[in-house]
Amino acid sequence: MEKKFIQLKNGETYAYLEKGSGKPLILIHGNLSSSVYYLPLIERLPDDIRVIALDLRGFGDSSYLSKFDSLANLATDVQLFMSELKIEKASIAGWSLGGGVAMEIASRYPRSVDKLILINSTTHKGYPIFKKDKNNAPILTEGYKSKDELATDPLQVKPILEAIATENAFFMSYIYDLTIYTHNKPTPEANQLYIKETLKQRCLVDADYALACLNMSDVPNLYTKGDGSIKHIKADTLMFWGTLDKTVPEYMVLDNLAALPKAKYIKFEQCGHSPLVDKPNELAEEILKFI
C-alpha cells in the first residue's frame, strides 16, 4: 500500500494511507510509530469503510516545518487534513499518543467527530516524564521545565534520540520488545517495516513534552494546571486496553472512562500495548460493530 500526500493550509504536508470508500474512519498513530503500524487493522476492515491512517507532523513521511508544543496543535493539523480531503465528519481512532490527539479533536472540533475510539490511550491528564535522581530512578514530584531540559532525560528520551540519530534499528526493536510487544510479536518482515518507520521520527522531544503537558482535566499535573476541556467531548466513545500493557497503566484508561460518560470499555486479556499485533481480529470486529 503506497502512501499519498496532501498539503495542509498551514504549509505542512501530510502522508497517509487510504483504503475503501464510504463512511470515513481516521486512524491516528502513537509515539515512535506512523500510519504503517495500522496495517493489521486496515487489512481487516471492509472496502465499504473509507479508512485513512495518517502520519502526524514530524512522524513517518509527513513534513516537520514547524515544531509543536501540544497535542492540540496536532489536532488542528488533523482538522485541516480532514478539510483538504473534504471530510466533514468521521469516526476518529487514536492509539497511545494518538488517543490524546483524538480526544483533543473531539473536544475542540466536536462537529467533526462521529465516534471516538481510544486504543490503549494516554490519559487526558497527561503522560508525565519525571526527572531522574543520580541512580536514574524517577523523582515522582518533579517534572522538566522545558523541552531542552526534557531532552537530557537519561532513561526515556536521550537514548531514543541517539537511536534515531544513528538509525539504530536493533536498539529500537529491543525497546519495542521490552515495552510494547509483551505478548505476541509481529513477523520479522513486519517488524522491519515498522521500525524503519519509527526511525523516521524527527519530533520526539516535541511529542514527549506535548504528552507531559496534556491536561484536559481541571486538576493540575506536574506540567500544566489543566483546562477542563475533557468535558466538551460529547461523542460516543469506545475504549480498549490490554492487561499486559507495560506502557499505559490501567488507571490512565480508567481516568478517561470516568471522565467520558458515553464511553464503553473493552479489556483484552493476553494483550500488551498493541492490540494491533496481539488482537487484530477482535479489534477490527469491535470497531466495526461500534461505527
Protein backbone atom coordinates (compact mmCIF):
# COMPACT_ATOMS: atom_id res chain seq x y z
CA MET A 1 0.00 0.00 0.00
CA GLU A 2 1.54 3.29 -1.14
CA LYS A 3 1.29 6.48 0.85
CA LYS A 4 -0.49 9.51 -0.56
CA PHE A 5 0.42 13.13 0.22
CA ILE A 6 -1.61 16.29 0.76
CA GLN A 7 -0.60 19.82 1.73
CA LEU A 8 -2.45 21.50 4.58
CA LYS A 9 -3.31 25.19 4.78
CA ASN A 10 -0.62 25.67 7.46
CA GLY A 11 2.05 24.56 4.96
CA GLU A 12 2.67 21.08 6.39
CA THR A 13 2.43 18.10 4.05
CA TYR A 14 0.76 15.02 5.49
CA ALA A 15 1.42 11.48 4.29
CA TYR A 16 -1.38 8.94 4.64
CA LEU A 17 -2.65 5.50 3.72
CA GLU A 18 -6.17 5.14 2.34
CA LYS A 19 -8.40 2.19 1.51
CA GLY A 20 -12.06 1.77 0.64
CA SER A 21 -14.93 4.22 0.27
CA GLY A 22 -17.98 5.10 2.28
CA LYS A 23 -18.16 6.05 5.95
CA PRO A 24 -14.78 7.59 6.94
CA LEU A 25 -12.62 6.27 9.77
CA ILE A 26 -9.42 8.19 10.56
CA LEU A 27 -6.62 6.37 12.39
CA ILE A 28 -4.07 8.33 14.46
CA HIS A 29 -0.88 6.53 15.46
CA GLY A 30 1.14 6.72 18.66
CA ASN A 31 4.60 7.99 19.55
CA LEU A 32 7.56 6.29 17.85
CA SER A 33 5.33 4.99 15.06
CA SER A 34 3.40 6.03 11.95
CA SER A 35 0.39 5.13 9.83
CA VAL A 36 2.09 1.89 8.81
CA TYR A 37 1.57 0.42 12.29
CA TYR A 38 -2.15 0.34 11.49
CA LEU A 39 -1.74 -2.06 8.55
CA PRO A 40 -3.04 -5.11 10.50
CA LEU A 41 -6.27 -3.22 11.20
CA ILE A 42 -6.56 -1.64 7.73
CA GLU A 43 -6.25 -5.06 6.11
CA ARG A 44 -9.14 -6.38 8.21
CA LEU A 45 -11.58 -3.56 7.51
CA PRO A 46 -14.06 -3.94 4.60
CA ASP A 47 -13.93 -1.78 1.50
CA ASP A 48 -17.20 -0.05 2.36
CA ILE A 49 -15.31 1.81 5.11
CA ARG A 50 -13.10 4.68 3.94
CA VAL A 51 -10.21 4.09 6.29
CA ILE A 52 -7.44 6.70 6.40
CA ALA A 53 -4.30 6.33 8.52
CA LEU A 54 -2.13 9.43 8.60
CA ASP A 55 1.42 10.30 9.63
CA LEU A 56 1.34 13.13 12.16
CA ARG A 57 3.63 16.14 11.76
CA GLY A 58 7.25 15.10 12.27
CA PHE A 59 6.43 11.37 12.04
CA GLY A 60 6.79 8.95 9.16
CA ASP A 61 6.79 10.72 5.80
CA SER A 62 4.91 13.84 6.85
CA SER A 63 6.70 17.19 6.92
CA TYR A 64 8.04 18.91 10.03
CA LEU A 65 8.27 22.56 9.01
CA SER A 66 7.19 23.86 12.41
CA LYS A 67 7.66 22.41 15.88
CA PHE A 68 4.59 21.77 18.01
CA ASP A 69 4.05 22.37 21.70
CA SER A 70 0.84 20.48 22.35
CA LEU A 71 -1.31 17.65 21.11
CA ALA A 72 -3.89 20.35 20.38
CA ASN A 73 -1.53 21.60 17.65
CA LEU A 74 -1.67 18.13 16.08
CA ALA A 75 -5.44 18.04 16.50
CA THR A 76 -5.63 21.22 14.42
CA ASP A 77 -3.46 19.52 11.79
CA VAL A 78 -5.94 16.65 11.62
CA GLN A 79 -8.85 19.08 11.28
CA LEU A 80 -7.02 20.80 8.40
CA PHE A 81 -6.28 17.37 6.90
CA MET A 82 -9.99 16.48 7.01
CA SER A 83 -10.85 19.81 5.40
CA GLU A 84 -8.45 19.20 2.49
CA LEU A 85 -10.00 15.77 1.91
CA LYS A 86 -13.48 17.33 2.18
CA ILE A 87 -14.40 15.10 5.11
CA GLU A 88 -16.95 16.94 7.27
CA LYS A 89 -17.36 14.21 9.87
CA ALA A 90 -15.53 10.98 10.66
CA SER A 91 -15.02 8.39 13.34
CA ILE A 92 -11.62 9.05 14.90
CA ALA A 93 -9.42 6.32 16.40
CA GLY A 94 -6.23 7.03 18.30
CA TRP A 95 -3.65 4.62 19.64
CA SER A 96 -1.49 5.64 22.63
CA LEU A 97 -0.35 9.25 21.97
CA GLY A 98 -2.87 9.22 19.12
CA GLY A 99 -5.60 8.77 21.70
CA GLY A 100 -4.60 12.10 23.23
CA VAL A 101 -4.76 13.74 19.80
CA ALA A 102 -8.16 12.12 19.16
CA MET A 103 -9.53 13.43 22.46
CA GLU A 104 -8.29 16.93 21.61
CA ILE A 105 -10.06 16.71 18.24
CA ALA A 106 -13.30 15.52 19.85
CA SER A 107 -13.11 18.35 22.38
CA ARG A 108 -12.11 21.20 20.06
CA TYR A 109 -13.93 20.15 16.88
CA PRO A 110 -16.96 18.17 18.12
CA ARG A 111 -18.90 18.57 14.87
CA SER A 112 -16.10 16.78 13.02
CA VAL A 113 -16.27 13.63 15.16
CA ASP A 114 -18.88 10.93 14.76
CA LYS A 115 -17.49 8.23 17.07
CA LEU A 116 -14.33 8.32 19.23
CA ILE A 117 -12.14 5.23 19.61
CA LEU A 118 -9.28 5.11 22.12
CA ILE A 119 -6.80 2.23 21.77
CA ASN A 120 -4.54 1.84 24.82
CA SER A 121 -4.67 5.61 25.01
CA THR A 122 -2.78 8.03 27.18
CA THR A 123 -4.89 9.61 29.89
CA HIS A 124 -6.43 13.03 29.28
CA LYS A 125 -4.45 14.12 32.37
CA GLY A 126 -1.12 13.73 30.55
CA TYR A 127 1.67 11.18 30.37
CA PRO A 128 4.41 12.61 32.62
CA ILE A 129 8.14 12.21 32.24
CA PHE A 130 9.66 12.56 35.69
CA LYS A 131 13.10 13.91 36.46
CA LYS A 132 15.59 11.25 37.49
CA ASP A 133 17.85 11.05 40.54
CA LYS A 134 21.54 10.09 40.45
CA ASN A 135 20.53 6.43 40.15
CA ASN A 136 18.16 7.19 37.24
CA ALA A 137 15.13 6.48 39.42
CA PRO A 138 12.12 8.75 38.75
CA ILE A 139 11.52 11.65 41.13
CA LEU A 140 7.73 11.48 41.26
CA THR A 141 7.33 15.07 42.44
CA GLU A 142 9.42 16.74 39.71
CA GLY A 143 8.87 17.28 36.00
CA TYR A 144 11.04 19.02 33.42
CA LYS A 145 10.62 22.75 32.97
CA SER A 146 11.42 22.94 29.24
CA LYS A 147 11.87 20.85 26.12
CA ASP A 148 15.64 21.36 26.25
CA GLU A 149 15.74 20.03 29.80
CA LEU A 150 13.49 17.09 28.94
CA ALA A 151 15.79 16.18 26.04
CA THR A 152 18.51 15.36 28.58
CA ASP A 153 16.40 12.72 30.36
CA PRO A 154 18.83 9.79 30.66
CA LEU A 155 16.28 7.00 30.54
CA GLN A 156 13.23 7.81 28.41
CA VAL A 157 14.41 10.46 25.97
CA LYS A 158 18.15 10.79 25.35
CA PRO A 159 18.77 7.10 24.44
CA ILE A 160 15.83 7.20 21.97
CA LEU A 161 17.11 10.42 20.40
CA GLU A 162 20.52 8.79 19.93
CA ALA A 163 18.96 5.66 18.41
CA ILE A 164 17.00 7.75 15.91
CA ALA A 165 20.06 9.86 15.07
CA THR A 166 22.17 6.75 14.39
CA GLU A 167 19.30 4.77 12.80
CA ASN A 168 19.87 2.04 15.36
CA ALA A 169 17.13 -0.41 14.38
CA PHE A 170 18.43 -3.08 16.76
CA PHE A 171 18.09 -0.84 19.82
CA MET A 172 14.67 0.44 18.76
CA SER A 173 13.46 -3.10 18.19
CA TYR A 174 14.75 -4.01 21.67
CA ILE A 175 12.75 -1.11 23.17
CA TYR A 176 9.60 -2.29 21.38
CA ASP A 177 10.11 -5.86 22.59
CA LEU A 178 10.60 -4.55 26.14
CA THR A 179 7.67 -2.15 26.31
CA ILE A 180 5.16 -2.83 23.51
CA TYR A 181 5.30 -6.48 22.41
CA THR A 182 4.80 -8.08 25.81
CA HIS A 183 2.69 -10.91 24.36
CA ASN A 184 2.81 -11.54 20.60
CA LYS A 185 5.35 -10.05 18.22
CA PRO A 186 4.94 -9.02 14.58
CA THR A 187 6.60 -11.12 11.90
CA PRO A 188 10.26 -10.24 11.26
CA GLU A 189 9.28 -8.67 7.94
CA ALA A 190 6.54 -6.54 9.51
CA ASN A 191 8.79 -5.55 12.40
CA GLN A 192 11.49 -4.41 9.98
CA LEU A 193 8.94 -2.24 8.18
CA TYR A 194 7.59 -0.77 11.43
CA ILE A 195 10.99 0.03 12.92
CA LYS A 196 12.09 1.68 9.68
CA GLU A 197 9.06 3.96 10.04
CA THR A 198 9.81 4.65 13.71
CA LEU A 199 13.34 5.80 12.86
CA LYS A 200 11.90 8.49 10.57
CA GLN A 201 10.59 10.44 13.56
CA ARG A 202 12.06 13.95 13.96
CA CYS A 203 9.81 15.33 16.69
CA LEU A 204 10.47 13.10 19.70
CA VAL A 205 11.07 15.91 22.19
CA ASP A 206 8.03 17.83 20.96
CA ALA A 207 5.90 14.68 21.28
CA ASP A 208 7.18 13.73 24.73
CA TYR A 209 6.75 17.26 26.04
CA ALA A 210 3.27 17.60 24.48
CA LEU A 211 2.24 14.33 26.14
CA ALA A 212 3.53 15.51 29.51
CA CYS A 213 1.77 18.88 29.14
CA LEU A 214 -1.54 17.36 28.03
CA ASN A 215 -4.11 18.11 30.70
CA MET A 216 -7.75 18.24 29.68
CA SER A 217 -8.88 17.80 33.30
CA ASP A 218 -9.47 20.53 35.86
CA VAL A 219 -6.81 19.12 38.21
CA PRO A 220 -3.19 20.35 37.91
CA ASN A 221 -0.45 17.91 36.94
CA LEU A 222 3.33 18.42 37.16
CA TYR A 223 3.38 20.31 33.87
CA THR A 224 0.13 22.25 33.47
CA LYS A 225 -2.90 23.28 35.52
CA GLY A 226 -5.48 21.76 33.15
CA ASP A 227 -8.16 23.38 31.02
CA GLY A 228 -11.18 21.18 31.78
CA SER A 229 -11.76 20.58 28.07
CA ILE A 230 -12.45 16.85 28.51
CA LYS A 231 -16.00 17.95 29.45
CA HIS A 232 -16.55 19.18 25.90
CA ILE A 233 -16.37 15.67 24.42
CA LYS A 234 -19.87 14.52 23.51
CA ALA A 235 -19.12 11.70 21.06
CA ASP A 236 -19.90 8.08 21.86
CA THR A 237 -16.58 6.52 22.84
CA LEU A 238 -15.13 3.02 22.68
CA MET A 239 -12.01 2.32 24.74
CA PHE A 240 -9.59 -0.62 24.55
CA TRP A 241 -6.81 -1.73 26.87
CA GLY A 242 -4.66 -4.86 27.17
CA THR A 243 -3.98 -6.45 30.55
CA LEU A 244 -0.28 -6.92 29.68
CA ASP A 245 0.27 -3.28 28.73
CA LYS A 246 3.53 -2.04 30.27
CA THR A 247 3.33 1.41 28.67
CA VAL A 248 -0.11 2.69 29.65
CA PRO A 249 -1.27 1.52 33.11
CA GLU A 250 -4.97 0.76 33.56
CA TYR A 251 -5.53 3.70 35.90
CA MET A 252 -4.96 6.01 32.91
CA VAL A 253 -7.69 4.24 30.95
CA LEU A 254 -10.00 4.34 33.97
CA ASP A 255 -9.33 8.10 34.30
CA ASN A 256 -10.63 8.50 30.75
CA LEU A 257 -13.56 6.20 31.41
CA ALA A 258 -14.60 8.23 34.46
CA ALA A 259 -14.37 11.50 32.51
CA LEU A 260 -16.31 10.30 29.44
CA PRO A 261 -19.88 9.36 30.44
CA LYS A 262 -20.71 8.00 26.96
CA ALA A 263 -17.77 5.57 26.92
CA LYS A 264 -17.69 1.78 26.70
CA TYR A 265 -14.59 -0.09 27.91
CA ILE A 266 -13.28 -3.35 26.42
CA LYS A 267 -10.40 -5.07 28.19
CA PHE A 268 -8.35 -7.58 26.21
CA GLU A 269 -6.70 -10.45 28.07
CA GLN A 270 -3.31 -11.66 26.81
CA CYS A 271 -2.71 -8.31 25.12
CA GLY A 272 0.03 -5.74 25.53
CA HIS A 273 0.23 -2.11 24.41
CA SER A 274 -0.51 -3.02 20.78
CA PRO A 275 -3.85 -4.75 20.14
CA LEU A 276 -2.90 -4.15 16.50
CA VAL A 277 -0.43 -7.02 16.94
CA ASP A 278 -1.99 -9.01 19.79
CA LYS A 279 -5.73 -8.82 18.98
CA PRO A 280 -6.16 -7.52 15.40
CA ASN A 281 -9.22 -9.64 14.59
CA GLU A 282 -11.04 -8.75 17.80
CA LEU A 283 -10.06 -5.08 17.47
CA ALA A 284 -11.41 -4.86 13.91
CA GLU A 285 -14.61 -6.70 14.86
CA GLU A 286 -15.37 -4.43 17.82
CA ILE A 287 -14.59 -1.23 15.87
CA LEU A 288 -16.86 -2.30 13.03
CA LYS A 289 -19.70 -3.03 15.44
CA PHE A 290 -19.19 0.36 17.09
CA ILE A 291 -19.11 2.55 14.00
